[in-house]
């Protein structure tokens, strides 16, 4: 899930190289929504099938940090202060 990956990025030193296909998918979604800055590249861009890729997450954007804050606020409200 892209939001869980966004939370994981908080604990990584950026820029970070991402190679797991599921994480690369999360990077593509977060990049498309403007929550991170990243580059996604093919390992062999001249090949007929470009499934092997890697991504480089450069940073979490201000919108990304705002989304993380909203997620945190929602989580706290759901758990209550009890």
PDB file of N, CA and C in Angstrom:
ATOM      1  N   UNK A   1       0.847  -1.178   0.000  1.00  0.00           N
ATOM      2  CA  UNK A   1       0.000   0.000   0.000  1.00  0.00           C
ATOM      3  C   UNK A   1       0.892   1.242   0.000  1.00  0.00           C
ATOM      4  N   UNK A   2       0.645   2.166  -0.901  1.00  0.00           N
ATOM      5  CA  UNK A   2       1.517   3.327  -1.015  1.00  0.00           C
ATOM      6  C   UNK A   2       1.654   4.155   0.266  1.00  0.00           C
ATOM      7  N   UNK A   3       0.572   4.284   1.034  1.00  0.00           N
ATOM      8  CA  UNK A   3       0.673   5.096   2.249  1.00  0.00           C
ATOM      9  C   UNK A   3       1.596   4.455   3.280  1.00  0.00           C
ATOM     10  N   UNK A   4       1.557   3.148   3.381  1.00  0.00           N
ATOM     11  CA  UNK A   4       2.471   2.469   4.305  1.00  0.00           C
ATOM     12  C   UNK A   4       3.914   2.654   3.850  1.00  0.00           C
ATOM     13  N   UNK A   5       4.129   2.636   2.546  1.00  0.00           N
ATOM     14  CA  UNK A   5       5.472   2.861   2.027  1.00  0.00           C
ATOM     15  C   UNK A   5       5.910   4.297   2.322  1.00  0.00           C
ATOM     16  N   UNK A   6       4.998   5.243   2.200  1.00  0.00           N
ATOM     17  CA  UNK A   6       5.312   6.639   2.531  1.00  0.00           C
ATOM     18  C   UNK A   6       5.751   6.751   3.986  1.00  0.00           C
ATOM     19  N   UNK A   7       5.079   6.034   4.869  1.00  0.00           N
ATOM     20  CA  UNK A   7       5.471   6.033   6.282  1.00  0.00           C
ATOM     21  C   UNK A   7       6.849   5.397   6.458  1.00  0.00           C
ATOM     22  N   UNK A   8       7.141   4.332   5.702  1.00  0.00           N
ATOM     23  CA  UNK A   8       8.459   3.690   5.785  1.00  0.00           C
ATOM     24  C   UNK A   8       9.574   4.632   5.348  1.00  0.00           C
ATOM     25  N   UNK A   9       9.258   5.503   4.381  1.00  0.00           N
ATOM     26  CA  UNK A   9      10.277   6.436   3.897  1.00  0.00           C
ATOM     27  C   UNK A   9      10.765   7.380   4.987  1.00  0.00           C
ATOM     28  N   UNK A  10       9.934   7.620   5.983  1.00  0.00           N
ATOM     29  CA  UNK A  10      10.347   8.477   7.103  1.00  0.00           C
ATOM     30  C   UNK A  10      11.577   7.922   7.815  1.00  0.00           C
ATOM     31  N   UNK A  11      11.766   6.615   7.736  1.00  0.00           N
ATOM     32  CA  UNK A  11      12.846   5.952   8.470  1.00  0.00           C
ATOM     33  C   UNK A  11      14.044   5.605   7.590  1.00  0.00           C
ATOM     34  N   UNK A  12      14.005   6.018   6.331  1.00  0.00           N
ATOM     35  CA  UNK A  12      15.117   5.761   5.421  1.00  0.00           C
ATOM     36  C   UNK A  12      15.931   7.036   5.226  1.00  0.00           C
ATOM     37  N   UNK A  13      17.211   6.853   4.984  1.00  0.00           N
ATOM     38  CA  UNK A  13      18.037   7.989   4.612  1.00  0.00           C
ATOM     39  C   UNK A  13      17.829   8.237   3.120  1.00  0.00           C
ATOM     40  N   UNK A  14      17.391   9.426   2.793  1.00  0.00           N
ATOM     41  CA  UNK A  14      17.112   9.766   1.405  1.00  0.00           C
ATOM     42  C   UNK A  14      18.249  10.595   0.833  1.00  0.00           C
ATOM     43  N   UNK A  15      18.574  10.449  -0.441  1.00  0.00           N
ATOM     44  CA  UNK A  15      17.897   9.608  -1.423  1.00  0.00           C
ATOM     45  C   UNK A  15      18.127   8.127  -1.155  1.00  0.00           C
ATOM     46  N   UNK A  16      17.145   7.322  -1.549  1.00  0.00           N
ATOM     47  CA  UNK A  16      17.207   5.878  -1.334  1.00  0.00           C
ATOM     48  C   UNK A  16      16.906   5.147  -2.636  1.00  0.00           C
ATOM     49  N   UNK A  17      17.655   4.097  -2.887  1.00  0.00           N
ATOM     50  CA  UNK A  17      17.440   3.254  -4.078  1.00  0.00           C
ATOM     51  C   UNK A  17      16.463   2.143  -3.702  1.00  0.00           C
ATOM     52  N   UNK A  18      15.421   1.992  -4.499  1.00  0.00           N
ATOM     53  CA  UNK A  18      14.362   1.014  -4.252  1.00  0.00           C
ATOM     54  C   UNK A  18      14.388   0.003  -5.389  1.00  0.00           C
ATOM     55  N   UNK A  19      14.412  -1.296  -5.033  1.00  0.00           N
ATOM     56  CA  UNK A  19      14.476  -2.331  -6.063  1.00  0.00           C
ATOM     57  C   UNK A  19      13.326  -3.337  -6.002  1.00  0.00           C
ATOM     58  N   UNK A  20      12.614  -3.396  -4.901  1.00  0.00           N
ATOM     59  CA  UNK A  20      11.506  -4.339  -4.778  1.00  0.00           C
ATOM     60  C   UNK A  20      10.356  -3.899  -5.696  1.00  0.00           C
ATOM     61  N   UNK A  21       9.855  -4.802  -6.566  1.00  0.00           N
ATOM     62  CA  UNK A  21       8.798  -4.414  -7.513  1.00  0.00           C
ATOM     63  C   UNK A  21       7.556  -3.820  -6.854  1.00  0.00           C
ATOM     64  N   UNK A  22       7.149  -4.363  -5.725  1.00  0.00           N
ATOM     65  CA  UNK A  22       5.975  -3.829  -5.032  1.00  0.00           C
ATOM     66  C   UNK A  22       6.244  -2.412  -4.520  1.00  0.00           C
ATOM     67  N   UNK A  23       7.448  -2.190  -4.013  1.00  0.00           N
ATOM     68  CA  UNK A  23       7.818  -0.857  -3.539  1.00  0.00           C
ATOM     69  C   UNK A  23       7.951   0.127  -4.700  1.00  0.00           C
ATOM     70  N   UNK A  24       8.438  -0.354  -5.845  1.00  0.00           N
ATOM     71  CA  UNK A  24       8.537   0.514  -7.024  1.00  0.00           C
ATOM     72  C   UNK A  24       7.148   0.950  -7.463  1.00  0.00           C
ATOM     73  N   UNK A  25       6.184   0.044  -7.367  1.00  0.00           N
ATOM     74  CA  UNK A  25       4.794   0.421  -7.682  1.00  0.00           C
ATOM     75  C   UNK A  25       4.318   1.517  -6.730  1.00  0.00           C
ATOM     76  N   UNK A  26       4.610   1.368  -5.434  1.00  0.00           N
ATOM     77  CA  UNK A  26       4.228   2.391  -4.455  1.00  0.00           C
ATOM     78  C   UNK A  26       4.908   3.718  -4.789  1.00  0.00           C
ATOM     79  N   UNK A  27       6.175   3.666  -5.177  1.00  0.00           N
ATOM     80  CA  UNK A  27       6.893   4.885  -5.564  1.00  0.00           C
ATOM     81  C   UNK A  27       6.189   5.555  -6.733  1.00  0.00           C
ATOM     82  N   UNK A  28       5.767   4.775  -7.733  1.00  0.00           N
ATOM     83  CA  UNK A  28       5.107   5.363  -8.906  1.00  0.00           C
ATOM     84  C   UNK A  28       3.801   6.056  -8.521  1.00  0.00           C
ATOM     85  N   UNK A  29       3.046   5.470  -7.604  1.00  0.00           N
ATOM     86  CA  UNK A  29       1.786   6.072  -7.158  1.00  0.00           C
ATOM     87  C   UNK A  29       2.068   7.348  -6.367  1.00  0.00           C
ATOM     88  N   UNK A  30       3.019   7.286  -5.437  1.00  0.00           N
ATOM     89  CA  UNK A  30       3.338   8.460  -4.613  1.00  0.00           C
ATOM     90  C   UNK A  30       3.921   9.582  -5.463  1.00  0.00           C
ATOM     91  N   UNK A  31       4.707   9.226  -6.465  1.00  0.00           N
ATOM     92  CA  UNK A  31       5.261  10.218  -7.385  1.00  0.00           C
ATOM     93  C   UNK A  31       4.146  10.879  -8.190  1.00  0.00           C
ATOM     94  N   UNK A  32       3.223  10.079  -8.702  1.00  0.00           N
ATOM     95  CA  UNK A  32       2.116  10.603  -9.510  1.00  0.00           C
ATOM     96  C   UNK A  32       1.205  11.528  -8.714  1.00  0.00           C
ATOM     97  N   UNK A  33       1.091  11.277  -7.420  1.00  0.00           N
ATOM     98  CA  UNK A  33       0.229  12.115  -6.578  1.00  0.00           C
ATOM     99  C   UNK A  33       0.973  13.286  -5.965  1.00  0.00           C
ATOM    100  N   UNK A  34       2.270  13.391  -6.243  1.00  0.00           N
ATOM    101  CA  UNK A  34       3.036  14.533  -5.760  1.00  0.00           C
ATOM    102  C   UNK A  34       3.473  14.453  -4.318  1.00  0.00           C
ATOM    103  N   UNK A  35       3.411  13.254  -3.720  1.00  0.00           N
ATOM    104  CA  UNK A  35       3.780  13.118  -2.306  1.00  0.00           C
ATOM    105  C   UNK A  35       5.273  12.894  -2.107  1.00  0.00           C
ATOM    106  N   UNK A  36       5.971  12.502  -3.188  1.00  0.00           N
ATOM    107  CA  UNK A  36       7.422  12.341  -3.133  1.00  0.00           C
ATOM    108  C   UNK A  36       8.019  12.843  -4.441  1.00  0.00           C
ATOM    109  N   UNK A  37       9.332  13.090  -4.404  1.00  0.00           N
ATOM    110  CA  UNK A  37      10.103  13.310  -5.627  1.00  0.00           C
ATOM    111  C   UNK A  37      10.928  12.054  -5.826  1.00  0.00           C
ATOM    112  N   UNK A  38      10.882  11.512  -7.028  1.00  0.00           N
ATOM    113  CA  UNK A  38      11.583  10.260  -7.296  1.00  0.00           C
ATOM    114  C   UNK A  38      11.882  10.139  -8.782  1.00  0.00           C
ATOM    115  N   UNK A  39      12.803   9.237  -9.089  1.00  0.00           N
ATOM    116  CA  UNK A  39      13.118   8.871 -10.461  1.00  0.00           C
ATOM    117  C   UNK A  39      12.925   7.363 -10.580  1.00  0.00           C
ATOM    118  N   UNK A  40      12.226   6.929 -11.634  1.00  0.00           N
ATOM    119  CA  UNK A  40      12.042   5.503 -11.882  1.00  0.00           C
ATOM    120  C   UNK A  40      12.700   5.200 -13.220  1.00  0.00           C
ATOM    121  N   UNK A  41      13.604   4.213 -13.209  1.00  0.00           N
ATOM    122  CA  UNK A  41      14.364   3.917 -14.420  1.00  0.00           C
ATOM    123  C   UNK A  41      14.379   2.420 -14.697  1.00  0.00           C
ATOM    124  N   UNK A  42      14.522   2.104 -15.955  1.00  0.00           N
ATOM    125  CA  UNK A  42      14.701   0.712 -16.365  1.00  0.00           C
ATOM    126  C   UNK A  42      16.166   0.345 -16.230  1.00  0.00           C
ATOM    127  N   UNK A  43      16.438  -0.873 -15.819  1.00  0.00           N
ATOM    128  CA  UNK A  43      17.821  -1.327 -15.737  1.00  0.00           C
ATOM    129  C   UNK A  43      18.405  -1.522 -17.134  1.00  0.00           C
ATOM    130  N   UNK A  44      17.560  -1.966 -18.086  1.00  0.00           N
ATOM    131  CA  UNK A  44      18.002  -2.162 -19.464  1.00  0.00           C
ATOM    132  C   UNK A  44      16.974  -1.523 -20.394  1.00  0.00           C
ATOM    133  N   UNK A  45      17.064  -0.206 -20.591  1.00  0.00           N
ATOM    134  CA  UNK A  45      16.023   0.476 -21.374  1.00  0.00           C
ATOM    135  C   UNK A  45      15.997   0.086 -22.845  1.00  0.00           C
ATOM    136  N   UNK A  46      17.004  -0.640 -23.325  1.00  0.00           N
ATOM    137  CA  UNK A  46      17.013  -1.036 -24.730  1.00  0.00           C
ATOM    138  C   UNK A  46      16.377  -2.393 -24.960  1.00  0.00           C
ATOM    139  N   UNK A  47      16.086  -3.127 -23.889  1.00  0.00           N
ATOM    140  CA  UNK A  47      15.501  -4.456 -24.027  1.00  0.00           C
ATOM    141  C   UNK A  47      14.041  -4.393 -24.425  1.00  0.00           C
ATOM    142  N   UNK A  48      13.509  -5.510 -24.955  1.00  0.00           N
ATOM    143  CA  UNK A  48      12.116  -5.532 -25.394  1.00  0.00           C
ATOM    144  C   UNK A  48      11.117  -5.534 -24.228  1.00  0.00           C
ATOM    145  N   UNK A  49      11.543  -5.967 -23.080  1.00  0.00           N
ATOM    146  CA  UNK A  49      10.659  -6.038 -21.910  1.00  0.00           C
ATOM    147  C   UNK A  49      11.364  -5.339 -20.766  1.00  0.00           C
ATOM    148  N   UNK A  50      10.747  -4.307 -20.205  1.00  0.00           N
ATOM    149  CA  UNK A  50      11.420  -3.458 -19.240  1.00  0.00           C
ATOM    150  C   UNK A  50      10.804  -3.623 -17.846  1.00  0.00           C
ATOM    151  N   UNK A  51      10.707  -4.864 -17.372  1.00  0.00           N
ATOM    152  CA  UNK A  51      10.107  -5.112 -16.070  1.00  0.00           C
ATOM    153  C   UNK A  51      11.094  -4.853 -14.935  1.00  0.00           C
ATOM    154  N   UNK A  52      12.374  -5.079 -15.177  1.00  0.00           N
ATOM    155  CA  UNK A  52      13.372  -4.870 -14.137  1.00  0.00           C
ATOM    156  C   UNK A  52      13.685  -3.391 -14.034  1.00  0.00           C
ATOM    157  N   UNK A  53      13.218  -2.782 -12.957  1.00  0.00           N
ATOM    158  CA  UNK A  53      13.431  -1.356 -12.782  1.00  0.00           C
ATOM    159  C   UNK A  53      13.947  -1.101 -11.384  1.00  0.00           C
ATOM    160  N   UNK A  54      14.412   0.106 -11.202  1.00  0.00           N
ATOM    161  CA  UNK A  54      14.710   0.569  -9.866  1.00  0.00           C
ATOM    162  C   UNK A  54      14.216   1.997  -9.759  1.00  0.00           C
ATOM    163  N   UNK A  55      14.034   2.433  -8.571  1.00  0.00           N
ATOM    164  CA  UNK A  55      13.589   3.797  -8.325  1.00  0.00           C
ATOM    165  C   UNK A  55      14.538   4.446  -7.329  1.00  0.00           C
ATOM    166  N   UNK A  56      14.674   5.722  -7.460  1.00  0.00           N
ATOM    167  CA  UNK A  56      15.456   6.503  -6.507  1.00  0.00           C
ATOM    168  C   UNK A  56      14.515   7.536  -5.913  1.00  0.00           C
ATOM    169  N   UNK A  57      14.212   7.371  -4.630  1.00  0.00           N
ATOM    170  CA  UNK A  57      13.364   8.338  -3.934  1.00  0.00           C
ATOM    171  C   UNK A  57      14.272   9.457  -3.450  1.00  0.00           C
ATOM    172  N   UNK A  58      14.002  10.649  -3.914  1.00  0.00           N
ATOM    173  CA  UNK A  58      14.843  11.788  -3.591  1.00  0.00           C
ATOM    174  C   UNK A  58      14.402  12.448  -2.288  1.00  0.00           C
ATOM    175  N   UNK A  59      13.101  12.691  -2.173  1.00  0.00           N
ATOM    176  CA  UNK A  59      12.609  13.323  -0.942  1.00  0.00           C
ATOM    177  C   UNK A  59      11.101  13.187  -0.833  1.00  0.00           C
ATOM    178  N   UNK A  60      10.615  13.377   0.374  1.00  0.00           N
ATOM    179  CA  UNK A  60       9.177  13.499   0.620  1.00  0.00           C
ATOM    180  C   UNK A  60       8.845  14.973   0.432  1.00  0.00           C
ATOM    181  N   UNK A  61       7.813  15.267  -0.331  1.00  0.00           N
ATOM    182  CA  UNK A  61       7.438  16.656  -0.588  1.00  0.00           C
ATOM    183  C   UNK A  61       6.659  17.228   0.600  1.00  0.00           C
ATOM    184  N   UNK A  62       6.419  18.523   0.548  1.00  0.00           N
ATOM    185  CA  UNK A  62       5.620  19.163   1.591  1.00  0.00           C
ATOM    186  C   UNK A  62       4.220  18.547   1.636  1.00  0.00           C
ATOM    187  N   UNK A  63       3.652  18.268   0.454  1.00  0.00           N
ATOM    188  CA  UNK A  63       2.344  17.597   0.405  1.00  0.00           C
ATOM    189  C   UNK A  63       2.419  16.215   1.037  1.00  0.00           C
ATOM    190  N   UNK A  64       3.553  15.532   0.847  1.00  0.00           N
ATOM    191  CA  UNK A  64       3.742  14.222   1.460  1.00  0.00           C
ATOM    192  C   UNK A  64       3.752  14.304   2.980  1.00  0.00           C
ATOM    193  N   UNK A  65       4.463  15.296   3.510  1.00  0.00           N
ATOM    194  CA  UNK A  65       4.473  15.472   4.962  1.00  0.00           C
ATOM    195  C   UNK A  65       3.098  15.871   5.484  1.00  0.00           C
ATOM    196  N   UNK A  66       2.371  16.679   4.716  1.00  0.00           N
ATOM    197  CA  UNK A  66       0.999  17.037   5.112  1.00  0.00           C
ATOM    198  C   UNK A  66       0.115  15.795   5.170  1.00  0.00           C
ATOM    199  N   UNK A  67       0.264  14.907   4.194  1.00  0.00           N
ATOM    200  CA  UNK A  67      -0.527  13.677   4.172  1.00  0.00           C
ATOM    201  C   UNK A  67      -0.166  12.779   5.357  1.00  0.00           C
ATOM    202  N   UNK A  68       1.113  12.691   5.670  1.00  0.00           N
ATOM    203  CA  UNK A  68       1.540  11.911   6.839  1.00  0.00           C
ATOM    204  C   UNK A  68       0.933  12.480   8.119  1.00  0.00           C
ATOM    205  N   UNK A  69       0.892  13.785   8.224  1.00  0.00           N
ATOM    206  CA  UNK A  69       0.299  14.415   9.412  1.00  0.00           C
ATOM    207  C   UNK A  69      -1.191  14.100   9.503  1.00  0.00           C
ATOM    208  N   UNK A  70      -1.886  14.137   8.354  1.00  0.00           N
ATOM    209  CA  UNK A  70      -3.318  13.786   8.356  1.00  0.00           C
ATOM    210  C   UNK A  70      -3.520  12.333   8.758  1.00  0.00           C
ATOM    211  N   UNK A  71      -2.668  11.461   8.257  1.00  0.00           N
ATOM    212  CA  UNK A  71      -2.765  10.044   8.613  1.00  0.00           C
ATOM    213  C   UNK A  71      -2.558   9.867  10.111  1.00  0.00           C
ATOM    214  N   UNK A  72      -1.581  10.562  10.672  1.00  0.00           N
ATOM    215  CA  UNK A  72      -1.296  10.467  12.099  1.00  0.00           C
ATOM    216  C   UNK A  72      -2.484  10.984  12.914  1.00  0.00           C
ATOM    217  N   UNK A  73      -3.042  12.145  12.513  1.00  0.00           N
ATOM    218  CA  UNK A  73      -4.194  12.712  13.219  1.00  0.00           C
ATOM    219  C   UNK A  73      -5.376  11.751  13.199  1.00  0.00           C
ATOM    220  N   UNK A  74      -5.641  11.133  12.062  1.00  0.00           N
ATOM    221  CA  UNK A  74      -6.745  10.184  11.937  1.00  0.00           C
ATOM    222  C   UNK A  74      -6.511   8.986  12.849  1.00  0.00           C
ATOM    223  N   UNK A  75      -5.296   8.498  12.872  1.00  0.00           N
ATOM    224  CA  UNK A  75      -4.964   7.332  13.700  1.00  0.00           C
ATOM    225  C   UNK A  75      -5.164   7.649  15.185  1.00  0.00           C
ATOM    226  N   UNK A  76      -4.733   8.809  15.606  1.00  0.00           N
ATOM    227  CA  UNK A  76      -4.879   9.207  17.011  1.00  0.00           C
ATOM    228  C   UNK A  76      -6.350   9.344  17.372  1.00  0.00           C
ATOM    229  N   UNK A  77      -7.148   9.958  16.474  1.00  0.00           N
ATOM    230  CA  UNK A  77      -8.581  10.117  16.739  1.00  0.00           C
ATOM    231  C   UNK A  77      -9.283   8.771  16.827  1.00  0.00           C
ATOM    232  N   UNK A  78      -8.897   7.824  15.961  1.00  0.00           N
ATOM    233  CA  UNK A  78      -9.524   6.512  15.965  1.00  0.00           C
ATOM    234  C   UNK A  78      -9.195   5.723  17.230  1.00  0.00           C
ATOM    235  N   UNK A  79      -8.003   5.921  17.757  1.00  0.00           N
ATOM    236  CA  UNK A  79      -7.588   5.199  18.959  1.00  0.00           C
ATOM    237  C   UNK A  79      -8.080   5.884  20.219  1.00  0.00           C
ATOM    238  N   UNK A  80      -8.426   7.145  20.124  1.00  0.00           N
ATOM    239  CA  UNK A  80      -8.896   7.891  21.287  1.00  0.00           C
ATOM    240  C   UNK A  80      -7.764   8.275  22.195  1.00  0.00           C
ATOM    241  N   UNK A  81      -8.085   8.976  23.250  1.00  0.00           N
ATOM    242  CA  UNK A  81      -7.066   9.433  24.197  1.00  0.00           C
ATOM    243  C   UNK A  81      -7.034   8.571  25.434  1.00  0.00           C
ATOM    244  N   UNK A  82      -7.925   7.611  25.505  1.00  0.00           N
ATOM    245  CA  UNK A  82      -8.186   6.784  26.598  1.00  0.00           C
ATOM    246  C   UNK A  82      -7.261   6.138  27.406  1.00  0.00           C
TER     247      UNK A  82
END
